[in-house]
Each structure stands twice: as C-alpha cells, then as structure tokens.
Amino acid sequence: MKNYAILRLLLAGFFLYVAWPVFPYAQTTLEQLFWGSWLVFLLLVVGANLATLLQMTRPPVMEQEELRSRQVDMN
C-alpha cells in the first residue's frame, strides 16, 4: 500500500514545516536535546517510510494484502 507510506511522508513533512521556525529558539541544553531527538525520530520515520515505498522492506502487517484462496470441494 503505497498510499499509506506517501501519506505518512507528507505528514512528517508537514510536522517539519511547522517545527522548523522553532529550532533556532532552543537555548537550554534540555531544549536542544528535545529538538535533536525529535529530528532523529523524524529521520527514522522518513527512512522507514521511504524503505516501504521503495519496497526495500515489507509493509506493516496491517497493510499487507491478504490473499484469499477459495477451496473447492470435489465430491
């Protein structure tokens, strides 16, 4: 399901767009640590969704297509 990966990438891009102006105002060590960890998490999310989109990994179980086979009885 490429649609979900694309939607998650767009959502991550939107969060980055909203948060980007706040980065320079981090003055204390705790604020810098928070924004640094936030950026690392964002990169993990973007990387995982790109890997799913480029079919380098299998999609999550909920998004995998279920193959339904029909059993036919021959009596």
N, C-alpha and C. Protein backbone atom coordinates (compact mmCIF):
# COMPACT_ATOMS: atom_id res chain seq x y z
N MET A 1 0.83 -1.18 0.00
CA MET A 1 0.00 0.00 0.00
C MET A 1 0.88 1.24 0.00
N LYS A 2 1.14 1.74 -1.18
CA LYS A 2 1.98 2.92 -1.30
C LYS A 2 1.31 4.17 -0.75
N ASN A 3 -0.01 4.17 -0.77
CA ASN A 3 -0.72 5.38 -0.34
C ASN A 3 -0.43 5.73 1.11
N TYR A 4 -0.39 4.73 1.98
CA TYR A 4 -0.15 5.00 3.39
C TYR A 4 1.26 5.54 3.62
N ALA A 5 2.24 4.99 2.93
CA ALA A 5 3.62 5.47 3.08
C ALA A 5 3.73 6.91 2.59
N ILE A 6 3.07 7.22 1.49
CA ILE A 6 3.12 8.59 0.97
C ILE A 6 2.42 9.55 1.93
N LEU A 7 1.28 9.12 2.48
CA LEU A 7 0.59 9.98 3.44
C LEU A 7 1.42 10.22 4.70
N ARG A 8 2.11 9.19 5.18
CA ARG A 8 2.96 9.38 6.36
C ARG A 8 4.14 10.29 6.05
N LEU A 9 4.70 10.20 4.85
CA LEU A 9 5.79 11.10 4.46
C LEU A 9 5.30 12.55 4.38
N LEU A 10 4.11 12.73 3.84
CA LEU A 10 3.55 14.08 3.77
C LEU A 10 3.27 14.64 5.17
N LEU A 11 2.78 13.80 6.06
CA LEU A 11 2.53 14.24 7.43
C LEU A 11 3.83 14.60 8.14
N ALA A 12 4.87 13.80 7.93
CA ALA A 12 6.17 14.11 8.53
C ALA A 12 6.73 15.42 7.96
N GLY A 13 6.55 15.63 6.67
CA GLY A 13 6.98 16.89 6.07
C GLY A 13 6.21 18.08 6.62
N PHE A 14 4.94 17.90 6.87
CA PHE A 14 4.14 18.98 7.46
C PHE A 14 4.61 19.30 8.88
N PHE A 15 4.87 18.24 9.67
CA PHE A 15 5.38 18.47 11.03
C PHE A 15 6.72 19.20 11.01
N LEU A 16 7.57 18.84 10.07
CA LEU A 16 8.86 19.53 9.95
C LEU A 16 8.66 20.98 9.54
N TYR A 17 7.71 21.24 8.66
CA TYR A 17 7.41 22.60 8.23
C TYR A 17 6.92 23.46 9.40
N VAL A 18 6.11 22.86 10.27
CA VAL A 18 5.59 23.60 11.42
C VAL A 18 6.68 23.81 12.46
N ALA A 19 7.54 22.83 12.68
CA ALA A 19 8.53 22.89 13.75
C ALA A 19 9.79 23.65 13.36
N TRP A 20 10.09 23.78 12.08
CA TRP A 20 11.36 24.37 11.64
C TRP A 20 11.61 25.78 12.19
N PRO A 21 10.63 26.68 12.23
CA PRO A 21 10.91 28.02 12.76
C PRO A 21 11.25 28.05 14.25
N VAL A 22 10.91 27.01 15.00
CA VAL A 22 11.13 26.99 16.44
C VAL A 22 12.54 26.51 16.80
N PHE A 23 13.21 25.81 15.90
CA PHE A 23 14.53 25.25 16.19
C PHE A 23 15.55 26.29 16.67
N PRO A 24 15.68 27.44 16.03
CA PRO A 24 16.72 28.38 16.48
C PRO A 24 16.49 28.97 17.87
N TYR A 25 15.29 28.88 18.39
CA TYR A 25 14.99 29.48 19.69
C TYR A 25 15.32 28.55 20.86
N ALA A 26 15.83 27.36 20.60
CA ALA A 26 16.20 26.44 21.67
C ALA A 26 17.49 26.93 22.30
N GLN A 27 17.42 27.32 23.58
CA GLN A 27 18.58 27.90 24.24
C GLN A 27 19.17 26.98 25.30
N THR A 28 18.34 26.32 26.07
CA THR A 28 18.87 25.47 27.13
C THR A 28 19.27 24.11 26.55
N THR A 29 20.05 23.40 27.32
CA THR A 29 20.50 22.07 26.88
C THR A 29 19.33 21.11 26.74
N LEU A 30 18.35 21.23 27.63
CA LEU A 30 17.19 20.36 27.56
C LEU A 30 16.39 20.61 26.28
N GLU A 31 16.23 21.87 25.90
CA GLU A 31 15.52 22.19 24.66
C GLU A 31 16.28 21.67 23.45
N GLN A 32 17.58 21.82 23.44
CA GLN A 32 18.38 21.33 22.33
C GLN A 32 18.33 19.81 22.24
N LEU A 33 18.35 19.16 23.40
CA LEU A 33 18.24 17.70 23.43
C LEU A 33 16.88 17.25 22.90
N PHE A 34 15.82 17.96 23.27
CA PHE A 34 14.48 17.62 22.79
C PHE A 34 14.41 17.75 21.27
N TRP A 35 14.84 18.89 20.73
CA TRP A 35 14.74 19.08 19.29
C TRP A 35 15.67 18.16 18.52
N GLY A 36 16.82 17.86 19.10
CA GLY A 36 17.71 16.89 18.45
C GLY A 36 17.10 15.51 18.39
N SER A 37 16.51 15.06 19.49
CA SER A 37 15.86 13.75 19.48
C SER A 37 14.62 13.76 18.58
N TRP A 38 13.93 14.89 18.51
CA TRP A 38 12.78 14.99 17.62
C TRP A 38 13.22 14.84 16.16
N LEU A 39 14.33 15.48 15.81
CA LEU A 39 14.83 15.37 14.43
C LEU A 39 15.30 13.94 14.12
N VAL A 40 15.94 13.28 15.08
CA VAL A 40 16.36 11.89 14.87
C VAL A 40 15.14 11.01 14.66
N PHE A 41 14.10 11.18 15.47
CA PHE A 41 12.88 10.40 15.29
C PHE A 41 12.24 10.68 13.94
N LEU A 42 12.24 11.95 13.53
CA LEU A 42 11.68 12.30 12.22
C LEU A 42 12.45 11.61 11.10
N LEU A 43 13.78 11.58 11.20
CA LEU A 43 14.58 10.91 10.18
C LEU A 43 14.31 9.40 10.16
N LEU A 44 14.09 8.81 11.32
CA LEU A 44 13.73 7.39 11.35
C LEU A 44 12.39 7.14 10.68
N VAL A 45 11.43 7.99 10.94
CA VAL A 45 10.10 7.84 10.33
C VAL A 45 10.19 7.99 8.81
N VAL A 46 10.92 9.01 8.36
CA VAL A 46 11.05 9.24 6.92
C VAL A 46 11.81 8.08 6.27
N GLY A 47 12.88 7.61 6.91
CA GLY A 47 13.64 6.50 6.35
C GLY A 47 12.83 5.22 6.26
N ALA A 48 12.06 4.93 7.28
CA ALA A 48 11.25 3.71 7.27
C ALA A 48 10.17 3.78 6.19
N ASN A 49 9.57 4.94 6.04
CA ASN A 49 8.52 5.06 5.01
C ASN A 49 9.11 5.06 3.61
N LEU A 50 10.29 5.63 3.45
CA LEU A 50 10.94 5.54 2.14
C LEU A 50 11.32 4.11 1.81
N ALA A 51 11.78 3.36 2.81
CA ALA A 51 12.11 1.95 2.58
C ALA A 51 10.86 1.16 2.19
N THR A 52 9.74 1.46 2.82
CA THR A 52 8.49 0.79 2.45
C THR A 52 8.05 1.20 1.06
N LEU A 53 8.19 2.49 0.76
CA LEU A 53 7.76 2.99 -0.54
C LEU A 53 8.61 2.42 -1.67
N LEU A 54 9.91 2.26 -1.43
CA LEU A 54 10.81 1.71 -2.45
C LEU A 54 10.86 0.19 -2.41
N GLN A 55 10.02 -0.41 -1.60
CA GLN A 55 9.88 -1.86 -1.46
C GLN A 55 11.19 -2.52 -1.04
N MET A 56 11.93 -1.85 -0.16
CA MET A 56 13.15 -2.43 0.40
C MET A 56 12.80 -3.32 1.60
N THR A 57 11.67 -3.04 2.22
CA THR A 57 11.18 -3.85 3.34
C THR A 57 9.72 -4.19 3.07
N ARG A 58 9.23 -5.15 3.82
CA ARG A 58 7.81 -5.48 3.69
C ARG A 58 6.99 -4.45 4.44
N PRO A 59 5.81 -4.11 3.95
CA PRO A 59 4.95 -3.18 4.67
C PRO A 59 4.47 -3.79 5.98
N PRO A 60 3.97 -2.95 6.89
CA PRO A 60 3.43 -3.49 8.15
C PRO A 60 2.33 -4.51 7.90
N VAL A 61 2.11 -5.36 8.88
CA VAL A 61 1.16 -6.47 8.72
C VAL A 61 -0.24 -5.96 8.37
N MET A 62 -0.64 -4.85 8.96
CA MET A 62 -1.98 -4.33 8.70
C MET A 62 -2.15 -3.88 7.25
N GLU A 63 -1.05 -3.53 6.59
CA GLU A 63 -1.15 -3.00 5.23
C GLU A 63 -0.85 -4.04 4.16
N GLN A 64 -0.49 -5.24 4.56
CA GLN A 64 -0.22 -6.27 3.57
C GLN A 64 -1.52 -6.79 3.00
N GLU A 65 -1.49 -7.04 1.73
CA GLU A 65 -2.71 -7.53 1.08
C GLU A 65 -2.91 -9.00 1.44
N GLU A 66 -4.12 -9.31 1.78
CA GLU A 66 -4.45 -10.67 2.18
C GLU A 66 -4.87 -11.44 0.94
N LEU A 67 -4.19 -12.54 0.72
CA LEU A 67 -4.55 -13.39 -0.41
C LEU A 67 -5.62 -14.39 0.06
N ARG A 68 -6.72 -14.32 -0.57
CA ARG A 68 -7.81 -15.23 -0.21
C ARG A 68 -7.93 -16.29 -1.29
N SER A 69 -7.77 -17.49 -0.86
CA SER A 69 -7.91 -18.58 -1.83
C SER A 69 -9.22 -19.30 -1.56
N ARG A 70 -9.81 -19.71 -2.59
CA ARG A 70 -11.11 -20.35 -2.48
C ARG A 70 -10.91 -21.85 -2.65
N GLN A 71 -11.37 -22.57 -1.66
CA GLN A 71 -11.24 -24.03 -1.72
C GLN A 71 -12.53 -24.60 -2.32
N VAL A 72 -12.30 -25.47 -3.26
CA VAL A 72 -13.43 -26.09 -3.95
C VAL A 72 -13.46 -27.58 -3.58
N ASP A 73 -14.60 -28.02 -3.08
CA ASP A 73 -14.78 -29.45 -2.75
C ASP A 73 -15.23 -30.19 -4.00
N MET A 74 -14.53 -31.26 -4.27
CA MET A 74 -14.94 -32.09 -5.40
C MET A 74 -15.39 -33.43 -4.83
N ASN A 75 -16.67 -33.57 -4.60
CA ASN A 75 -17.23 -34.81 -4.06
C ASN A 75 -17.79 -35.67 -5.14
